[in-house]
Amino acid sequence: VLDLVGAVVQHSSINTPGGNDPSA
């Protein structure tokens, strides 16, 4: 989540789920 001056307000990351099901 970025504010108006480009500073990060909140951050998270996850390993991109494997497989070939984009909907999941």
mmCIF file of all heavy atoms, coordinates in Angstrom:
data_MODEL
# 
_entry.id   MODEL 
# 
loop_
_atom_site.group_PDB 
_atom_site.id 
_atom_site.type_symbol 
_atom_site.label_atom_id 
_atom_site.label_alt_id 
_atom_site.label_comp_id 
_atom_site.label_asym_id 
_atom_site.label_entity_id 
_atom_site.label_seq_id 
_atom_site.pdbx_PDB_ins_code 
_atom_site.Cartn_x 
_atom_site.Cartn_y 
_atom_site.Cartn_z 
_atom_site.occupancy 
_atom_site.B_iso_or_equiv 
_atom_site.pdbx_formal_charge 
_atom_site.auth_seq_id 
_atom_site.auth_comp_id 
_atom_site.auth_asym_id 
_atom_site.auth_atom_id 
_atom_site.pdbx_PDB_model_num 
ATOM 1   N N   . VAL A 1 1  ? 0.877  -1.169  0.000   1.00 0.00 ? 1  VAL A N   1 
ATOM 2   C CA  . VAL A 1 1  ? 0.000  0.000   0.000   1.00 0.00 ? 1  VAL A CA  1 
ATOM 3   C C   . VAL A 1 1  ? 0.910  1.214   0.000   1.00 0.00 ? 1  VAL A C   1 
ATOM 4   O O   . VAL A 1 1  ? 1.821  1.321   0.826   1.00 0.00 ? 1  VAL A O   1 
ATOM 5   C CB  . VAL A 1 1  ? -0.930 0.035   1.225   1.00 0.00 ? 1  VAL A CB  1 
ATOM 6   C CG1 . VAL A 1 1  ? -1.724 1.342   1.251   1.00 0.00 ? 1  VAL A CG1 1 
ATOM 7   C CG2 . VAL A 1 1  ? -1.891 -1.147  1.205   1.00 0.00 ? 1  VAL A CG2 1 
ATOM 8   N N   . LEU A 1 2  ? 0.689  2.113   -0.943  1.00 0.00 ? 2  LEU A N   1 
ATOM 9   C CA  . LEU A 1 2  ? 1.544  3.281   -1.130  1.00 0.00 ? 2  LEU A CA  1 
ATOM 10  C C   . LEU A 1 2  ? 0.759  4.546   -0.835  1.00 0.00 ? 2  LEU A C   1 
ATOM 11  O O   . LEU A 1 2  ? -0.428 4.638   -1.156  1.00 0.00 ? 2  LEU A O   1 
ATOM 12  C CB  . LEU A 1 2  ? 2.021  3.306   -2.588  1.00 0.00 ? 2  LEU A CB  1 
ATOM 13  C CG  . LEU A 1 2  ? 3.440  3.756   -2.896  1.00 0.00 ? 2  LEU A CG  1 
ATOM 14  C CD1 . LEU A 1 2  ? 4.449  2.809   -2.264  1.00 0.00 ? 2  LEU A CD1 1 
ATOM 15  C CD2 . LEU A 1 2  ? 3.646  3.822   -4.412  1.00 0.00 ? 2  LEU A CD2 1 
ATOM 16  N N   . ASP A 1 3  ? 1.426  5.533   -0.205  1.00 0.00 ? 3  ASP A N   1 
ATOM 17  C CA  . ASP A 1 3  ? 0.757  6.817   -0.018  1.00 0.00 ? 3  ASP A CA  1 
ATOM 18  C C   . ASP A 1 3  ? 1.077  7.732   -1.199  1.00 0.00 ? 3  ASP A C   1 
ATOM 19  O O   . ASP A 1 3  ? 1.759  7.338   -2.154  1.00 0.00 ? 3  ASP A O   1 
ATOM 20  C CB  . ASP A 1 3  ? 1.110  7.450   1.332   1.00 0.00 ? 3  ASP A CB  1 
ATOM 21  C CG  . ASP A 1 3  ? 2.566  7.898   1.441   1.00 0.00 ? 3  ASP A CG  1 
ATOM 22  O OD1 . ASP A 1 3  ? 3.239  8.021   0.399   1.00 0.00 ? 3  ASP A OD1 1 
ATOM 23  O OD2 . ASP A 1 3  ? 3.026  8.130   2.583   1.00 0.00 ? 3  ASP A OD2 1 
ATOM 24  N N   . LEU A 1 4  ? 0.600  8.963   -1.122  1.00 0.00 ? 4  LEU A N   1 
ATOM 25  C CA  . LEU A 1 4  ? 0.672  9.864   -2.273  1.00 0.00 ? 4  LEU A CA  1 
ATOM 26  C C   . LEU A 1 4  ? 2.097  10.290  -2.611  1.00 0.00 ? 4  LEU A C   1 
ATOM 27  O O   . LEU A 1 4  ? 2.380  10.654  -3.756  1.00 0.00 ? 4  LEU A O   1 
ATOM 28  C CB  . LEU A 1 4  ? -0.197 11.104  -2.012  1.00 0.00 ? 4  LEU A CB  1 
ATOM 29  C CG  . LEU A 1 4  ? -0.402 12.075  -3.167  1.00 0.00 ? 4  LEU A CG  1 
ATOM 30  C CD1 . LEU A 1 4  ? -0.918 11.354  -4.403  1.00 0.00 ? 4  LEU A CD1 1 
ATOM 31  C CD2 . LEU A 1 4  ? -1.375 13.183  -2.763  1.00 0.00 ? 4  LEU A CD2 1 
ATOM 32  N N   . VAL A 1 5  ? 3.010  10.244  -1.657  1.00 0.00 ? 5  VAL A N   1 
ATOM 33  C CA  . VAL A 1 5  ? 4.393  10.637  -1.947  1.00 0.00 ? 5  VAL A CA  1 
ATOM 34  C C   . VAL A 1 5  ? 5.254  9.434   -2.325  1.00 0.00 ? 5  VAL A C   1 
ATOM 35  O O   . VAL A 1 5  ? 6.463  9.550   -2.487  1.00 0.00 ? 5  VAL A O   1 
ATOM 36  C CB  . VAL A 1 5  ? 5.029  11.397  -0.759  1.00 0.00 ? 5  VAL A CB  1 
ATOM 37  C CG1 . VAL A 1 5  ? 4.246  12.656  -0.464  1.00 0.00 ? 5  VAL A CG1 1 
ATOM 38  C CG2 . VAL A 1 5  ? 5.125  10.521  0.482   1.00 0.00 ? 5  VAL A CG2 1 
ATOM 39  N N   . GLY A 1 6  ? 4.624  8.274   -2.438  1.00 0.00 ? 6  GLY A N   1 
ATOM 40  C CA  . GLY A 1 6  ? 5.355  7.094   -2.872  1.00 0.00 ? 6  GLY A CA  1 
ATOM 41  C C   . GLY A 1 6  ? 5.989  6.307   -1.761  1.00 0.00 ? 6  GLY A C   1 
ATOM 42  O O   . GLY A 1 6  ? 6.846  5.451   -2.017  1.00 0.00 ? 6  GLY A O   1 
ATOM 43  N N   . ALA A 1 7  ? 5.607  6.558   -0.523  1.00 0.00 ? 7  ALA A N   1 
ATOM 44  C CA  . ALA A 1 7  ? 6.141  5.808   0.611   1.00 0.00 ? 7  ALA A CA  1 
ATOM 45  C C   . ALA A 1 7  ? 5.290  4.576   0.871   1.00 0.00 ? 7  ALA A C   1 
ATOM 46  O O   . ALA A 1 7  ? 4.064  4.612   0.755   1.00 0.00 ? 7  ALA A O   1 
ATOM 47  C CB  . ALA A 1 7  ? 6.188  6.679   1.865   1.00 0.00 ? 7  ALA A CB  1 
ATOM 48  N N   . VAL A 1 8  ? 5.960  3.468   1.222   1.00 0.00 ? 8  VAL A N   1 
ATOM 49  C CA  . VAL A 1 8  ? 5.260  2.218   1.496   1.00 0.00 ? 8  VAL A CA  1 
ATOM 50  C C   . VAL A 1 8  ? 4.640  2.284   2.888   1.00 0.00 ? 8  VAL A C   1 
ATOM 51  O O   . VAL A 1 8  ? 5.340  2.454   3.877   1.00 0.00 ? 8  VAL A O   1 
ATOM 52  C CB  . VAL A 1 8  ? 6.212  1.011   1.396   1.00 0.00 ? 8  VAL A CB  1 
ATOM 53  C CG1 . VAL A 1 8  ? 5.495  -0.275  1.787   1.00 0.00 ? 8  VAL A CG1 1 
ATOM 54  C CG2 . VAL A 1 8  ? 6.769  0.896   -0.017  1.00 0.00 ? 8  VAL A CG2 1 
ATOM 55  N N   . VAL A 1 9  ? 3.328  2.132   2.943   1.00 0.00 ? 9  VAL A N   1 
ATOM 56  C CA  . VAL A 1 9  ? 2.602  2.139   4.215   1.00 0.00 ? 9  VAL A CA  1 
ATOM 57  C C   . VAL A 1 9  ? 2.504  0.728   4.779   1.00 0.00 ? 9  VAL A C   1 
ATOM 58  O O   . VAL A 1 9  ? 2.584  0.519   5.992   1.00 0.00 ? 9  VAL A O   1 
ATOM 59  C CB  . VAL A 1 9  ? 1.188  2.739   4.016   1.00 0.00 ? 9  VAL A CB  1 
ATOM 60  C CG1 . VAL A 1 9  ? 0.374  2.669   5.299   1.00 0.00 ? 9  VAL A CG1 1 
ATOM 61  C CG2 . VAL A 1 9  ? 1.288  4.176   3.516   1.00 0.00 ? 9  VAL A CG2 1 
ATOM 62  N N   . GLN A 1 10 ? 2.306  -0.239  3.900   1.00 0.00 ? 10 GLN A N   1 
ATOM 63  C CA  . GLN A 1 10 ? 2.182  -1.638  4.319   1.00 0.00 ? 10 GLN A CA  1 
ATOM 64  C C   . GLN A 1 10 ? 2.746  -2.534  3.223   1.00 0.00 ? 10 GLN A C   1 
ATOM 65  O O   . GLN A 1 10 ? 2.631  -2.222  2.027   1.00 0.00 ? 10 GLN A O   1 
ATOM 66  C CB  . GLN A 1 10 ? 0.712  -1.987  4.588   1.00 0.00 ? 10 GLN A CB  1 
ATOM 67  C CG  . GLN A 1 10 ? 0.493  -3.288  5.346   1.00 0.00 ? 10 GLN A CG  1 
ATOM 68  C CD  . GLN A 1 10 ? 0.923  -3.212  6.802   1.00 0.00 ? 10 GLN A CD  1 
ATOM 69  O OE1 . GLN A 1 10 ? 0.892  -2.139  7.403   1.00 0.00 ? 10 GLN A OE1 1 
ATOM 70  N NE2 . GLN A 1 10 ? 1.331  -4.329  7.365   1.00 0.00 ? 10 GLN A NE2 1 
ATOM 71  N N   . HIS A 1 11 ? 3.349  -3.623  3.637   1.00 0.00 ? 11 HIS A N   1 
ATOM 72  C CA  . HIS A 1 11 ? 4.024  -4.520  2.698   1.00 0.00 ? 11 HIS A CA  1 
ATOM 73  C C   . HIS A 1 11 ? 3.789  -5.966  3.103   1.00 0.00 ? 11 HIS A C   1 
ATOM 74  O O   . HIS A 1 11 ? 3.730  -6.284  4.294   1.00 0.00 ? 11 HIS A O   1 
ATOM 75  C CB  . HIS A 1 11 ? 5.533  -4.225  2.699   1.00 0.00 ? 11 HIS A CB  1 
ATOM 76  C CG  . HIS A 1 11 ? 6.374  -5.307  2.090   1.00 0.00 ? 11 HIS A CG  1 
ATOM 77  N ND1 . HIS A 1 11 ? 6.766  -6.441  2.787   1.00 0.00 ? 11 HIS A ND1 1 
ATOM 78  C CD2 . HIS A 1 11 ? 6.897  -5.442  0.856   1.00 0.00 ? 11 HIS A CD2 1 
ATOM 79  C CE1 . HIS A 1 11 ? 7.477  -7.214  2.004   1.00 0.00 ? 11 HIS A CE1 1 
ATOM 80  N NE2 . HIS A 1 11 ? 7.585  -6.637  0.833   1.00 0.00 ? 11 HIS A NE2 1 
ATOM 81  N N   . SER A 1 12 ? 3.679  -6.840  2.123   1.00 0.00 ? 12 SER A N   1 
ATOM 82  C CA  . SER A 1 12 ? 3.669  -8.274  2.397   1.00 0.00 ? 12 SER A CA  1 
ATOM 83  C C   . SER A 1 12 ? 4.115  -9.000  1.139   1.00 0.00 ? 12 SER A C   1 
ATOM 84  O O   . SER A 1 12 ? 4.120  -8.439  0.038   1.00 0.00 ? 12 SER A O   1 
ATOM 85  C CB  . SER A 1 12 ? 2.274  -8.762  2.828   1.00 0.00 ? 12 SER A CB  1 
ATOM 86  O OG  . SER A 1 12 ? 1.361  -8.716  1.747   1.00 0.00 ? 12 SER A OG  1 
ATOM 87  N N   . SER A 1 13 ? 4.494  -10.259 1.290   1.00 0.00 ? 13 SER A N   1 
ATOM 88  C CA  . SER A 1 13 ? 4.861  -11.063 0.130   1.00 0.00 ? 13 SER A CA  1 
ATOM 89  C C   . SER A 1 13 ? 4.562  -12.525 0.422   1.00 0.00 ? 13 SER A C   1 
ATOM 90  O O   . SER A 1 13 ? 4.574  -12.949 1.586   1.00 0.00 ? 13 SER A O   1 
ATOM 91  C CB  . SER A 1 13 ? 6.341  -10.880 -0.226  1.00 0.00 ? 13 SER A CB  1 
ATOM 92  O OG  . SER A 1 13 ? 7.169  -11.340 0.824   1.00 0.00 ? 13 SER A OG  1 
ATOM 93  N N   . ILE A 1 14 ? 4.284  -13.265 -0.627  1.00 0.00 ? 14 ILE A N   1 
ATOM 94  C CA  . ILE A 1 14 ? 4.027  -14.696 -0.509  1.00 0.00 ? 14 ILE A CA  1 
ATOM 95  C C   . ILE A 1 14 ? 4.739  -15.399 -1.652  1.00 0.00 ? 14 ILE A C   1 
ATOM 96  O O   . ILE A 1 14 ? 4.995  -14.797 -2.704  1.00 0.00 ? 14 ILE A O   1 
ATOM 97  C CB  . ILE A 1 14 ? 2.518  -15.024 -0.567  1.00 0.00 ? 14 ILE A CB  1 
ATOM 98  C CG1 . ILE A 1 14 ? 1.910  -14.545 -1.902  1.00 0.00 ? 14 ILE A CG1 1 
ATOM 99  C CG2 . ILE A 1 14 ? 1.774  -14.410 0.615   1.00 0.00 ? 14 ILE A CG2 1 
ATOM 100 C CD1 . ILE A 1 14 ? 0.468  -14.971 -2.125  1.00 0.00 ? 14 ILE A CD1 1 
ATOM 101 N N   . ASN A 1 15 ? 5.079  -16.648 -1.460  1.00 0.00 ? 15 ASN A N   1 
ATOM 102 C CA  . ASN A 1 15 ? 5.563  -17.442 -2.578  1.00 0.00 ? 15 ASN A CA  1 
ATOM 103 C C   . ASN A 1 15 ? 4.421  -17.615 -3.569  1.00 0.00 ? 15 ASN A C   1 
ATOM 104 O O   . ASN A 1 15 ? 3.296  -17.964 -3.180  1.00 0.00 ? 15 ASN A O   1 
ATOM 105 C CB  . ASN A 1 15 ? 6.052  -18.809 -2.102  1.00 0.00 ? 15 ASN A CB  1 
ATOM 106 C CG  . ASN A 1 15 ? 7.334  -18.726 -1.303  1.00 0.00 ? 15 ASN A CG  1 
ATOM 107 O OD1 . ASN A 1 15 ? 8.147  -17.820 -1.505  1.00 0.00 ? 15 ASN A OD1 1 
ATOM 108 N ND2 . ASN A 1 15 ? 7.531  -19.663 -0.383  1.00 0.00 ? 15 ASN A ND2 1 
ATOM 109 N N   . THR A 1 16 ? 4.683  -17.331 -4.826  1.00 0.00 ? 16 THR A N   1 
ATOM 110 C CA  . THR A 1 16 ? 3.638  -17.483 -5.840  1.00 0.00 ? 16 THR A CA  1 
ATOM 111 C C   . THR A 1 16 ? 3.181  -18.943 -5.882  1.00 0.00 ? 16 THR A C   1 
ATOM 112 O O   . THR A 1 16 ? 4.008  -19.836 -6.055  1.00 0.00 ? 16 THR A O   1 
ATOM 113 C CB  . THR A 1 16 ? 4.161  -17.060 -7.214  1.00 0.00 ? 16 THR A CB  1 
ATOM 114 O OG1 . THR A 1 16 ? 4.597  -15.698 -7.148  1.00 0.00 ? 16 THR A OG1 1 
ATOM 115 C CG2 . THR A 1 16 ? 3.071  -17.188 -8.274  1.00 0.00 ? 16 THR A CG2 1 
ATOM 116 N N   . PRO A 1 17 ? 1.889  -19.175 -5.694  1.00 0.00 ? 17 PRO A N   1 
ATOM 117 C CA  . PRO A 1 17 ? 1.409  -20.563 -5.679  1.00 0.00 ? 17 PRO A CA  1 
ATOM 118 C C   . PRO A 1 17 ? 1.769  -21.293 -6.958  1.00 0.00 ? 17 PRO A C   1 
ATOM 119 O O   . PRO A 1 17 ? 1.704  -20.736 -8.055  1.00 0.00 ? 17 PRO A O   1 
ATOM 120 C CB  . PRO A 1 17 ? -0.114 -20.400 -5.535  1.00 0.00 ? 17 PRO A CB  1 
ATOM 121 C CG  . PRO A 1 17 ? -0.291 -19.069 -4.882  1.00 0.00 ? 17 PRO A CG  1 
ATOM 122 C CD  . PRO A 1 17 ? 0.814  -18.209 -5.433  1.00 0.00 ? 17 PRO A CD  1 
ATOM 123 N N   . GLY A 1 18 ? 2.173  -22.549 -6.813  1.00 0.00 ? 18 GLY A N   1 
ATOM 124 C CA  . GLY A 1 18 ? 2.537  -23.348 -7.973  1.00 0.00 ? 18 GLY A CA  1 
ATOM 125 C C   . GLY A 1 18 ? 1.310  -23.885 -8.692  1.00 0.00 ? 18 GLY A C   1 
ATOM 126 O O   . GLY A 1 18 ? 0.173  -23.521 -8.386  1.00 0.00 ? 18 GLY A O   1 
ATOM 127 N N   . GLY A 1 19 ? 1.546  -24.763 -9.624  1.00 0.00 ? 19 GLY A N   1 
ATOM 128 C CA  . GLY A 1 19 ? 0.433  -25.328 -10.389 1.00 0.00 ? 19 GLY A CA  1 
ATOM 129 C C   . GLY A 1 19 ? 0.052  -24.422 -11.538 1.00 0.00 ? 19 GLY A C   1 
ATOM 130 O O   . GLY A 1 19 ? 0.653  -23.388 -11.784 1.00 0.00 ? 19 GLY A O   1 
ATOM 131 N N   . ASN A 1 20 ? -0.981 -24.784 -12.251 1.00 0.00 ? 20 ASN A N   1 
ATOM 132 C CA  . ASN A 1 20 ? -1.405 -24.010 -13.422 1.00 0.00 ? 20 ASN A CA  1 
ATOM 133 C C   . ASN A 1 20 ? -2.883 -23.637 -13.331 1.00 0.00 ? 20 ASN A C   1 
ATOM 134 O O   . ASN A 1 20 ? -3.609 -23.704 -14.311 1.00 0.00 ? 20 ASN A O   1 
ATOM 135 C CB  . ASN A 1 20 ? -1.118 -24.790 -14.705 1.00 0.00 ? 20 ASN A CB  1 
ATOM 136 C CG  . ASN A 1 20 ? -1.775 -26.159 -14.709 1.00 0.00 ? 20 ASN A CG  1 
ATOM 137 O OD1 . ASN A 1 20 ? -2.436 -26.536 -13.744 1.00 0.00 ? 20 ASN A OD1 1 
ATOM 138 N ND2 . ASN A 1 20 ? -1.592 -26.898 -15.808 1.00 0.00 ? 20 ASN A ND2 1 
ATOM 139 N N   . ASP A 1 21 ? -3.297 -23.242 -12.125 1.00 0.00 ? 21 ASP A N   1 
ATOM 140 C CA  . ASP A 1 21 ? -4.682 -22.830 -11.904 1.00 0.00 ? 21 ASP A CA  1 
ATOM 141 C C   . ASP A 1 21 ? -4.705 -21.350 -11.524 1.00 0.00 ? 21 ASP A C   1 
ATOM 142 O O   . ASP A 1 21 ? -4.619 -21.004 -10.345 1.00 0.00 ? 21 ASP A O   1 
ATOM 143 C CB  . ASP A 1 21 ? -5.314 -23.674 -10.794 1.00 0.00 ? 21 ASP A CB  1 
ATOM 144 C CG  . ASP A 1 21 ? -6.780 -23.302 -10.559 1.00 0.00 ? 21 ASP A CG  1 
ATOM 145 O OD1 . ASP A 1 21 ? -7.313 -22.478 -11.334 1.00 0.00 ? 21 ASP A OD1 1 
ATOM 146 O OD2 . ASP A 1 21 ? -7.372 -23.823 -9.598  1.00 0.00 ? 21 ASP A OD2 1 
ATOM 147 N N   . PRO A 1 22 ? -4.801 -20.442 -12.508 1.00 0.00 ? 22 PRO A N   1 
ATOM 148 C CA  . PRO A 1 22 ? -4.781 -19.016 -12.208 1.00 0.00 ? 22 PRO A CA  1 
ATOM 149 C C   . PRO A 1 22 ? -5.895 -18.577 -11.260 1.00 0.00 ? 22 PRO A C   1 
ATOM 150 O O   . PRO A 1 22 ? -5.705 -17.664 -10.457 1.00 0.00 ? 22 PRO A O   1 
ATOM 151 C CB  . PRO A 1 22 ? -4.951 -18.364 -13.587 1.00 0.00 ? 22 PRO A CB  1 
ATOM 152 C CG  . PRO A 1 22 ? -4.438 -19.384 -14.543 1.00 0.00 ? 22 PRO A CG  1 
ATOM 153 C CD  . PRO A 1 22 ? -4.825 -20.706 -13.952 1.00 0.00 ? 22 PRO A CD  1 
ATOM 154 N N   . SER A 1 23 ? -7.063 -19.213 -11.343 1.00 0.00 ? 23 SER A N   1 
ATOM 155 C CA  . SER A 1 23 ? -8.181 -18.792 -10.487 1.00 0.00 ? 23 SER A CA  1 
ATOM 156 C C   . SER A 1 23 ? -7.833 -18.964 -9.010  1.00 0.00 ? 23 SER A C   1 
ATOM 157 O O   . SER A 1 23 ? -8.198 -18.136 -8.162  1.00 0.00 ? 23 SER A O   1 
ATOM 158 C CB  . SER A 1 23 ? -9.443 -19.575 -10.829 1.00 0.00 ? 23 SER A CB  1 
ATOM 159 O OG  . SER A 1 23 ? -9.255 -20.972 -10.598 1.00 0.00 ? 23 SER A OG  1 
ATOM 160 N N   . ALA A 1 24 ? -7.112 -20.021 -8.680  1.00 0.00 ? 24 ALA A N   1 
ATOM 161 C CA  . ALA A 1 24 ? -6.703 -20.242 -7.294  1.00 0.00 ? 24 ALA A CA  1 
ATOM 162 C C   . ALA A 1 24 ? -5.693 -19.185 -6.858  1.00 0.00 ? 24 ALA A C   1 
ATOM 163 O O   . ALA A 1 24 ? -5.736 -18.682 -5.723  1.00 0.00 ? 24 ALA A O   1 
ATOM 164 C CB  . ALA A 1 24 ? -6.106 -21.639 -7.131  1.00 0.00 ? 24 ALA A CB  1 
# 
